[in-house]
Structure formats: C-alpha cells, structure tokens
Amino acid sequence: MALMITDECINCDVCEPECPNGAISQGEEVYEIDPTKCTECVGHFDTPQCIEVCPVDCIVPNPDVVEDKDQLQKKFLKLTAG
C-alpha cells in the first residue's frame, strides 16, 4: 500500500529528502506522495523513512492504492532497474 500525507501536514520539509524513491514533493497546500513511486521504503529500509521523521504523524496508508509487500518489492525493482 502506498502512503499518503494528510492535511495535518505542517510543511516542515523533513520527509521529502528522506524518500529514497523521490516520491514526495511539495503540493499546492501540503506535501504529496506519488503512489507510483512509493514503495513504503521496501527494498531500501525496514520502515518507511517519511513516517520515521514526520513530527506530526500525518503520513498514513493510502486507501486508494492497496499493495502487499510482494507488489511493493516488484515496484522497487522496476523503479531501480537499469
């Protein structure tokens, strides 16, 4: 399951540089996570780094993008191929 950032985001800028896939970017009002790039850090780390550093706990599973660990691993391999 990809992650998403809720409107509780305070735009503190700490999550964006932590994403190994470059999935996080500044949106119109709050940071956003591109679900096509989010692997919940599968393949890179044991836990999602954005969640680890978020001071307001505004990063949650995206209910619109349900993926299991195997699918996240495949996405990681596709993103890092080449």
N, C-alpha and C. Protein backbone atom coordinates (compact mmCIF):
# COMPACT_ATOMS: atom_id res chain seq x y z
N MET A 1 0.85 -1.17 0.00
CA MET A 1 0.00 0.00 0.00
C MET A 1 0.89 1.24 0.00
N ALA A 2 0.67 2.11 -0.93
CA ALA A 2 1.41 3.37 -0.95
C ALA A 2 0.95 4.22 0.22
N LEU A 3 1.75 5.19 0.54
CA LEU A 3 1.41 6.10 1.64
C LEU A 3 0.86 7.40 1.08
N MET A 4 0.23 8.18 1.96
CA MET A 4 -0.26 9.50 1.60
C MET A 4 -0.06 10.45 2.77
N ILE A 5 -0.03 11.73 2.48
CA ILE A 5 0.15 12.75 3.50
C ILE A 5 -1.18 13.46 3.67
N THR A 6 -1.64 13.53 4.91
CA THR A 6 -2.94 14.14 5.20
C THR A 6 -2.81 15.66 5.31
N ASP A 7 -3.95 16.31 5.43
CA ASP A 7 -3.94 17.77 5.52
C ASP A 7 -3.45 18.30 6.87
N GLU A 8 -3.05 17.39 7.76
CA GLU A 8 -2.42 17.82 9.01
C GLU A 8 -0.95 18.20 8.80
N CYS A 9 -0.44 17.98 7.60
CA CYS A 9 0.95 18.30 7.26
C CYS A 9 1.24 19.77 7.57
N ILE A 10 2.39 20.02 8.20
CA ILE A 10 2.78 21.39 8.55
C ILE A 10 3.88 21.92 7.63
N ASN A 11 4.13 21.21 6.53
CA ASN A 11 5.14 21.63 5.54
C ASN A 11 6.50 21.88 6.17
N CYS A 12 6.92 20.97 7.01
CA CYS A 12 8.19 21.14 7.72
C CYS A 12 9.40 20.77 6.86
N ASP A 13 9.18 20.13 5.72
CA ASP A 13 10.23 19.79 4.77
C ASP A 13 11.14 18.64 5.18
N VAL A 14 10.83 17.89 6.22
CA VAL A 14 11.75 16.83 6.63
C VAL A 14 11.53 15.52 5.89
N CYS A 15 10.34 15.28 5.37
CA CYS A 15 10.07 14.00 4.72
C CYS A 15 10.64 13.90 3.31
N GLU A 16 10.57 14.97 2.55
CA GLU A 16 10.97 14.93 1.14
C GLU A 16 12.39 14.39 0.92
N PRO A 17 13.39 14.89 1.61
CA PRO A 17 14.75 14.38 1.36
C PRO A 17 14.97 12.95 1.86
N GLU A 18 14.09 12.44 2.71
CA GLU A 18 14.24 11.09 3.25
C GLU A 18 13.74 10.02 2.30
N CYS A 19 12.94 10.38 1.29
CA CYS A 19 12.34 9.39 0.40
C CYS A 19 13.37 8.90 -0.62
N PRO A 20 13.73 7.61 -0.57
CA PRO A 20 14.74 7.09 -1.49
C PRO A 20 14.25 6.98 -2.94
N ASN A 21 12.93 7.04 -3.14
CA ASN A 21 12.37 6.92 -4.48
C ASN A 21 11.98 8.25 -5.10
N GLY A 22 12.15 9.34 -4.37
CA GLY A 22 11.75 10.65 -4.89
C GLY A 22 10.25 10.77 -5.07
N ALA A 23 9.49 10.07 -4.24
CA ALA A 23 8.03 10.06 -4.36
C ALA A 23 7.36 11.25 -3.70
N ILE A 24 8.08 11.99 -2.86
CA ILE A 24 7.47 13.09 -2.11
C ILE A 24 7.84 14.42 -2.75
N SER A 25 6.82 15.25 -2.92
CA SER A 25 7.05 16.59 -3.48
C SER A 25 6.07 17.57 -2.86
N GLN A 26 6.39 18.85 -2.98
CA GLN A 26 5.52 19.89 -2.45
C GLN A 26 4.28 20.00 -3.33
N GLY A 27 3.11 19.89 -2.72
CA GLY A 27 1.86 20.08 -3.43
C GLY A 27 1.39 21.51 -3.28
N GLU A 28 0.16 21.78 -3.68
CA GLU A 28 -0.36 23.15 -3.58
C GLU A 28 -0.44 23.63 -2.14
N GLU A 29 -0.88 22.73 -1.24
CA GLU A 29 -1.03 23.13 0.16
C GLU A 29 -0.13 22.35 1.10
N VAL A 30 0.02 21.07 0.86
CA VAL A 30 0.86 20.21 1.70
C VAL A 30 1.70 19.32 0.80
N TYR A 31 2.66 18.64 1.39
CA TYR A 31 3.46 17.69 0.62
C TYR A 31 2.57 16.55 0.13
N GLU A 32 2.97 15.96 -0.99
CA GLU A 32 2.21 14.86 -1.58
C GLU A 32 3.14 13.70 -1.88
N ILE A 33 2.58 12.50 -1.90
CA ILE A 33 3.34 11.30 -2.23
C ILE A 33 2.78 10.72 -3.52
N ASP A 34 3.66 10.52 -4.51
CA ASP A 34 3.28 9.91 -5.78
C ASP A 34 3.15 8.40 -5.55
N PRO A 35 1.94 7.86 -5.63
CA PRO A 35 1.77 6.42 -5.35
C PRO A 35 2.46 5.50 -6.34
N THR A 36 2.81 6.02 -7.51
CA THR A 36 3.52 5.18 -8.49
C THR A 36 4.99 5.03 -8.13
N LYS A 37 5.48 5.88 -7.23
CA LYS A 37 6.88 5.80 -6.80
C LYS A 37 7.04 5.32 -5.36
N CYS A 38 5.96 5.34 -4.58
CA CYS A 38 6.05 4.97 -3.16
C CYS A 38 6.06 3.45 -3.00
N THR A 39 7.12 2.95 -2.35
CA THR A 39 7.23 1.53 -2.03
C THR A 39 7.22 1.31 -0.52
N GLU A 40 6.86 2.34 0.25
CA GLU A 40 6.95 2.29 1.71
C GLU A 40 8.36 1.94 2.14
N CYS A 41 9.33 2.30 1.31
CA CYS A 41 10.75 2.05 1.52
C CYS A 41 11.15 0.58 1.42
N VAL A 42 10.23 -0.28 0.96
CA VAL A 42 10.57 -1.68 0.70
C VAL A 42 11.72 -1.69 -0.29
N GLY A 43 12.74 -2.48 0.01
CA GLY A 43 13.92 -2.56 -0.83
C GLY A 43 15.03 -1.62 -0.39
N HIS A 44 14.68 -0.62 0.38
CA HIS A 44 15.66 0.35 0.87
C HIS A 44 15.85 0.25 2.39
N PHE A 45 14.74 0.27 3.13
CA PHE A 45 14.76 0.29 4.60
C PHE A 45 13.69 -0.64 5.15
N ASP A 46 13.78 -0.95 6.43
CA ASP A 46 12.80 -1.80 7.09
C ASP A 46 11.49 -1.07 7.37
N THR A 47 11.55 0.25 7.51
CA THR A 47 10.35 1.03 7.80
C THR A 47 10.32 2.27 6.90
N PRO A 48 9.14 2.78 6.61
CA PRO A 48 9.05 4.00 5.79
C PRO A 48 9.75 5.17 6.48
N GLN A 49 10.74 5.73 5.82
CA GLN A 49 11.53 6.79 6.42
C GLN A 49 10.74 8.08 6.63
N CYS A 50 9.78 8.35 5.76
CA CYS A 50 8.98 9.57 5.93
C CYS A 50 8.18 9.51 7.22
N ILE A 51 7.65 8.33 7.53
CA ILE A 51 6.90 8.17 8.79
C ILE A 51 7.83 8.34 9.98
N GLU A 52 9.04 7.81 9.85
CA GLU A 52 10.02 7.91 10.95
C GLU A 52 10.34 9.35 11.31
N VAL A 53 10.41 10.24 10.32
CA VAL A 53 10.84 11.61 10.60
C VAL A 53 9.69 12.60 10.75
N CYS A 54 8.48 12.21 10.41
CA CYS A 54 7.34 13.15 10.47
C CYS A 54 7.02 13.54 11.91
N PRO A 55 7.08 14.84 12.22
CA PRO A 55 6.83 15.26 13.61
C PRO A 55 5.35 15.33 13.98
N VAL A 56 4.45 15.25 13.01
CA VAL A 56 3.02 15.37 13.32
C VAL A 56 2.22 14.12 12.96
N ASP A 57 2.89 13.05 12.57
CA ASP A 57 2.23 11.78 12.24
C ASP A 57 1.10 11.95 11.23
N CYS A 58 1.39 12.65 10.12
CA CYS A 58 0.37 12.89 9.11
C CYS A 58 0.54 12.00 7.88
N ILE A 59 1.38 10.98 7.96
CA ILE A 59 1.60 10.08 6.83
C ILE A 59 0.95 8.74 7.16
N VAL A 60 -0.01 8.36 6.32
CA VAL A 60 -0.83 7.18 6.56
C VAL A 60 -0.94 6.35 5.29
N PRO A 61 -1.38 5.08 5.41
CA PRO A 61 -1.62 4.28 4.21
C PRO A 61 -2.68 4.92 3.32
N ASN A 62 -2.45 4.85 2.02
CA ASN A 62 -3.39 5.40 1.04
C ASN A 62 -4.44 4.33 0.73
N PRO A 63 -5.69 4.54 1.14
CA PRO A 63 -6.71 3.50 0.93
C PRO A 63 -7.05 3.27 -0.54
N ASP A 64 -6.65 4.19 -1.40
CA ASP A 64 -6.93 4.05 -2.83
C ASP A 64 -5.86 3.25 -3.57
N VAL A 65 -4.74 2.96 -2.90
CA VAL A 65 -3.63 2.23 -3.53
C VAL A 65 -3.21 1.09 -2.60
N VAL A 66 -3.94 0.00 -2.67
CA VAL A 66 -3.68 -1.15 -1.79
C VAL A 66 -2.69 -2.08 -2.47
N GLU A 67 -1.54 -2.29 -1.82
CA GLU A 67 -0.49 -3.16 -2.33
C GLU A 67 0.09 -3.97 -1.18
N ASP A 68 0.44 -5.23 -1.46
CA ASP A 68 1.09 -6.03 -0.43
C ASP A 68 2.61 -5.90 -0.58
N LYS A 69 3.35 -6.51 0.33
CA LYS A 69 4.81 -6.39 0.32
C LYS A 69 5.43 -6.91 -0.97
N ASP A 70 4.86 -7.97 -1.54
CA ASP A 70 5.37 -8.51 -2.79
C ASP A 70 5.21 -7.50 -3.93
N GLN A 71 4.06 -6.85 -4.00
CA GLN A 71 3.83 -5.83 -5.02
C GLN A 71 4.76 -4.64 -4.83
N LEU A 72 4.99 -4.25 -3.57
CA LEU A 72 5.90 -3.14 -3.28
C LEU A 72 7.33 -3.51 -3.69
N GLN A 73 7.73 -4.76 -3.45
CA GLN A 73 9.06 -5.21 -3.85
C GLN A 73 9.20 -5.16 -5.37
N LYS A 74 8.19 -5.60 -6.10
CA LYS A 74 8.22 -5.56 -7.56
C LYS A 74 8.31 -4.12 -8.06
N LYS A 75 7.58 -3.21 -7.41
CA LYS A 75 7.64 -1.80 -7.78
C LYS A 75 9.04 -1.25 -7.53
N PHE A 76 9.64 -1.62 -6.39
CA PHE A 76 11.00 -1.21 -6.08
C PHE A 76 11.97 -1.67 -7.18
N LEU A 77 11.86 -2.93 -7.57
CA LEU A 77 12.74 -3.48 -8.61
C LEU A 77 12.55 -2.74 -9.94
N LYS A 78 11.34 -2.42 -10.28
CA LYS A 78 11.07 -1.70 -11.52
C LYS A 78 11.64 -0.28 -11.46
N LEU A 79 11.49 0.38 -10.30
CA LEU A 79 12.00 1.75 -10.14
C LEU A 79 13.52 1.82 -10.15
N THR A 80 14.16 0.77 -9.70
CA THR A 80 15.62 0.79 -9.58
C THR A 80 16.32 0.03 -10.69
N ALA A 81 15.58 -0.53 -11.62
CA ALA A 81 16.19 -1.27 -12.73
C ALA A 81 16.98 -0.31 -13.64
N GLY A 82 18.05 -0.82 -14.18
CA GLY A 82 18.82 -0.02 -15.15
C GLY A 82 20.00 0.58 -14.55
